[in-house]
């Protein structure tokens, strides 16, 4: 049991050093640290989403993945799955996705 402790401590120490390094680079901004600076892309993506020419349609049905990539460049894909799904699919699309995933989860857990 004691054999791997030095190796585990090296791994934890390396992880801590990496987190401390990025904490200093981000000037102590915990949101940027925890989101790996994807929160910067989120702000830009949210601005494009909210300023769409058809806001009611966009909130319900989203903008689609390809539309966002073509028109917004890097801000078209935030790499935060929940927000990417919402911006691309809208409220109804995310609701349908959650219902579908819930159905499959219930089927997987259902006893035969």
C-alpha atoms as a PDB file:
ATOM      1  CA  UNK A   1       0.000   0.000   0.000  1.00  0.00           C
ATOM      2  CA  UNK A   2       2.831   2.411   0.747  1.00  0.00           C
ATOM      3  CA  UNK A   3       4.625   1.721  -2.530  1.00  0.00           C
ATOM      4  CA  UNK A   4       2.474   3.987  -4.660  1.00  0.00           C
ATOM      5  CA  UNK A   5       2.237   6.905  -2.235  1.00  0.00           C
ATOM      6  CA  UNK A   6       5.271   8.747  -3.660  1.00  0.00           C
ATOM      7  CA  UNK A   7       3.911   8.336  -7.187  1.00  0.00           C
ATOM      8  CA  UNK A   8       0.461   9.562  -6.090  1.00  0.00           C
ATOM      9  CA  UNK A   9       2.029  12.556  -4.334  1.00  0.00           C
ATOM     10  CA  UNK A  10       3.951  13.441  -7.504  1.00  0.00           C
ATOM     11  CA  UNK A  11       0.729  13.334  -9.514  1.00  0.00           C
ATOM     12  CA  UNK A  12      -1.148  15.496  -6.994  1.00  0.00           C
ATOM     13  CA  UNK A  13       1.774  17.916  -6.776  1.00  0.00           C
ATOM     14  CA  UNK A  14       1.919  18.232 -10.571  1.00  0.00           C
ATOM     15  CA  UNK A  15      -1.816  18.853 -10.742  1.00  0.00           C
ATOM     16  CA  UNK A  16      -1.609  21.472  -8.021  1.00  0.00           C
ATOM     17  CA  UNK A  17       1.300  23.207  -9.776  1.00  0.00           C
ATOM     18  CA  UNK A  18      -0.656  23.293 -13.034  1.00  0.00           C
ATOM     19  CA  UNK A  19      -3.767  24.721 -11.355  1.00  0.00           C
ATOM     20  CA  UNK A  20      -1.676  27.335  -9.511  1.00  0.00           C
ATOM     21  CA  UNK A  21       0.041  28.289 -12.782  1.00  0.00           C
ATOM     22  CA  UNK A  22      -3.263  28.915 -14.582  1.00  0.00           C
ATOM     23  CA  UNK A  23      -4.689  30.655 -11.510  1.00  0.00           C
ATOM     24  CA  UNK A  24      -1.851  33.191 -11.753  1.00  0.00           C
ATOM     25  CA  UNK A  25      -2.256  33.556 -15.535  1.00  0.00           C
ATOM     26  CA  UNK A  26      -5.999  34.230 -15.121  1.00  0.00           C
ATOM     27  CA  UNK A  27      -5.289  36.823 -12.375  1.00  0.00           C
ATOM     28  CA  UNK A  28      -7.222  34.842  -9.770  1.00  0.00           C
ATOM     29  CA  UNK A  29     -10.408  34.569 -11.836  1.00  0.00           C
ATOM     30  CA  UNK A  30     -11.928  31.296 -10.573  1.00  0.00           C
ATOM     31  CA  UNK A  31     -14.640  31.167 -13.249  1.00  0.00           C
ATOM     32  CA  UNK A  32     -12.038  31.249 -16.027  1.00  0.00           C
ATOM     33  CA  UNK A  33      -9.936  28.688 -14.160  1.00  0.00           C
ATOM     34  CA  UNK A  34     -12.796  26.248 -13.571  1.00  0.00           C
ATOM     35  CA  UNK A  35     -14.126  26.597 -17.116  1.00  0.00           C
ATOM     36  CA  UNK A  36     -10.651  26.449 -18.721  1.00  0.00           C
ATOM     37  CA  UNK A  37     -11.334  29.972 -20.052  1.00  0.00           C
ATOM     38  CA  UNK A  38     -14.350  28.742 -22.016  1.00  0.00           C
ATOM     39  CA  UNK A  39     -16.394  31.321 -20.111  1.00  0.00           C
ATOM     40  CA  UNK A  40     -14.834  33.934 -22.422  1.00  0.00           C
ATOM     41  CA  UNK A  41     -16.330  32.160 -25.435  1.00  0.00           C
ATOM     42  CA  UNK A  42     -19.617  31.771 -23.571  1.00  0.00           C
ATOM     43  CA  UNK A  43     -19.978  35.543 -23.184  1.00  0.00           C
ATOM     44  CA  UNK A  44     -19.501  36.143 -26.908  1.00  0.00           C
ATOM     45  CA  UNK A  45     -21.759  33.236 -27.889  1.00  0.00           C
ATOM     46  CA  UNK A  46     -24.491  34.440 -25.543  1.00  0.00           C
ATOM     47  CA  UNK A  47     -24.300  37.919 -27.022  1.00  0.00           C
ATOM     48  CA  UNK A  48     -24.770  36.561 -30.559  1.00  0.00           C
ATOM     49  CA  UNK A  49     -27.589  34.314 -29.346  1.00  0.00           C
ATOM     50  CA  UNK A  50     -29.506  37.077 -27.588  1.00  0.00           C
ATOM     51  CA  UNK A  51     -29.026  39.586 -30.423  1.00  0.00           C
ATOM     52  CA  UNK A  52     -30.383  37.313 -33.131  1.00  0.00           C
ATOM     53  CA  UNK A  53     -32.784  38.820 -35.682  1.00  0.00           C
ATOM     54  CA  UNK A  54     -35.620  36.506 -34.548  1.00  0.00           C
ATOM     55  CA  UNK A  55     -35.287  36.245 -30.736  1.00  0.00           C
ATOM     56  CA  UNK A  56     -38.509  34.310 -30.018  1.00  0.00           C
ATOM     57  CA  UNK A  57     -37.753  31.716 -32.699  1.00  0.00           C
ATOM     58  CA  UNK A  58     -34.127  31.474 -31.527  1.00  0.00           C
ATOM     59  CA  UNK A  59     -35.131  30.867 -27.900  1.00  0.00           C
ATOM     60  CA  UNK A  60     -37.564  28.112 -28.875  1.00  0.00           C
ATOM     61  CA  UNK A  61     -35.674  26.377 -31.686  1.00  0.00           C
ATOM     62  CA  UNK A  62     -32.064  27.586 -31.412  1.00  0.00           C
ATOM     63  CA  UNK A  63     -29.750  28.562 -34.233  1.00  0.00           C
ATOM     64  CA  UNK A  64     -28.369  25.194 -35.266  1.00  0.00           C
ATOM     65  CA  UNK A  65     -24.762  24.019 -34.998  1.00  0.00           C
ATOM     66  CA  UNK A  66     -23.666  24.781 -38.565  1.00  0.00           C
ATOM     67  CA  UNK A  67     -25.225  28.251 -38.656  1.00  0.00           C
ATOM     68  CA  UNK A  68     -23.333  29.247 -35.534  1.00  0.00           C
ATOM     69  CA  UNK A  69     -20.030  27.861 -36.808  1.00  0.00           C
ATOM     70  CA  UNK A  70     -20.403  29.621 -40.177  1.00  0.00           C
ATOM     71  CA  UNK A  71     -21.515  33.014 -38.836  1.00  0.00           C
ATOM     72  CA  UNK A  72     -19.814  33.311 -35.459  1.00  0.00           C
ATOM     73  CA  UNK A  73     -16.492  31.541 -36.035  1.00  0.00           C
ATOM     74  CA  UNK A  74     -14.849  30.411 -32.807  1.00  0.00           C
ATOM     75  CA  UNK A  75     -17.818  31.628 -30.763  1.00  0.00           C
ATOM     76  CA  UNK A  76     -20.039  29.176 -32.630  1.00  0.00           C
ATOM     77  CA  UNK A  77     -18.667  26.309 -30.573  1.00  0.00           C
ATOM     78  CA  UNK A  78     -18.116  27.127 -26.926  1.00  0.00           C
ATOM     79  CA  UNK A  79     -17.185  23.557 -25.937  1.00  0.00           C
ATOM     80  CA  UNK A  80     -19.522  23.654 -22.963  1.00  0.00           C
ATOM     81  CA  UNK A  81     -21.987  20.955 -23.942  1.00  0.00           C
ATOM     82  CA  UNK A  82     -25.068  22.222 -22.122  1.00  0.00           C
ATOM     83  CA  UNK A  83     -24.735  25.740 -23.538  1.00  0.00           C
ATOM     84  CA  UNK A  84     -23.770  24.507 -27.001  1.00  0.00           C
ATOM     85  CA  UNK A  85     -26.883  22.324 -27.026  1.00  0.00           C
ATOM     86  CA  UNK A  86     -29.094  25.191 -25.836  1.00  0.00           C
ATOM     87  CA  UNK A  87     -27.723  27.722 -28.328  1.00  0.00           C
ATOM     88  CA  UNK A  88     -28.028  25.227 -31.189  1.00  0.00           C
ATOM     89  CA  UNK A  89     -31.326  23.533 -30.266  1.00  0.00           C
ATOM     90  CA  UNK A  90     -33.234  26.101 -28.159  1.00  0.00           C
ATOM     91  CA  UNK A  91     -35.621  25.331 -25.299  1.00  0.00           C
ATOM     92  CA  UNK A  92     -37.738  22.844 -27.231  1.00  0.00           C
ATOM     93  CA  UNK A  93     -34.741  20.983 -28.651  1.00  0.00           C
ATOM     94  CA  UNK A  94     -33.069  20.630 -25.250  1.00  0.00           C
ATOM     95  CA  UNK A  95     -36.381  19.557 -23.708  1.00  0.00           C
ATOM     96  CA  UNK A  96     -36.837  16.906 -26.397  1.00  0.00           C
ATOM     97  CA  UNK A  97     -33.223  15.770 -25.926  1.00  0.00           C
ATOM     98  CA  UNK A  98     -33.691  15.433 -22.153  1.00  0.00           C
ATOM     99  CA  UNK A  99     -36.942  13.508 -22.599  1.00  0.00           C
ATOM    100  CA  UNK A 100     -35.243  11.161 -25.055  1.00  0.00           C
ATOM    101  CA  UNK A 101     -32.239  10.630 -22.769  1.00  0.00           C
ATOM    102  CA  UNK A 102     -34.562  10.088 -19.805  1.00  0.00           C
ATOM    103  CA  UNK A 103     -36.513   7.507 -21.777  1.00  0.00           C
ATOM    104  CA  UNK A 104     -33.340   5.624 -22.711  1.00  0.00           C
ATOM    105  CA  UNK A 105     -32.089   5.800 -19.106  1.00  0.00           C
ATOM    106  CA  UNK A 106     -35.407   4.436 -17.838  1.00  0.00           C
ATOM    107  CA  UNK A 107     -35.290   1.623 -20.404  1.00  0.00           C
ATOM    108  CA  UNK A 108     -31.703   0.774 -19.433  1.00  0.00           C
ATOM    109  CA  UNK A 109     -32.575   0.638 -15.725  1.00  0.00           C
ATOM    110  CA  UNK A 110     -35.874  -1.183 -16.194  1.00  0.00           C
ATOM    111  CA  UNK A 111     -35.844  -4.688 -14.799  1.00  0.00           C
ATOM    112  CA  UNK A 112     -36.654  -7.461 -17.208  1.00  0.00           C
END
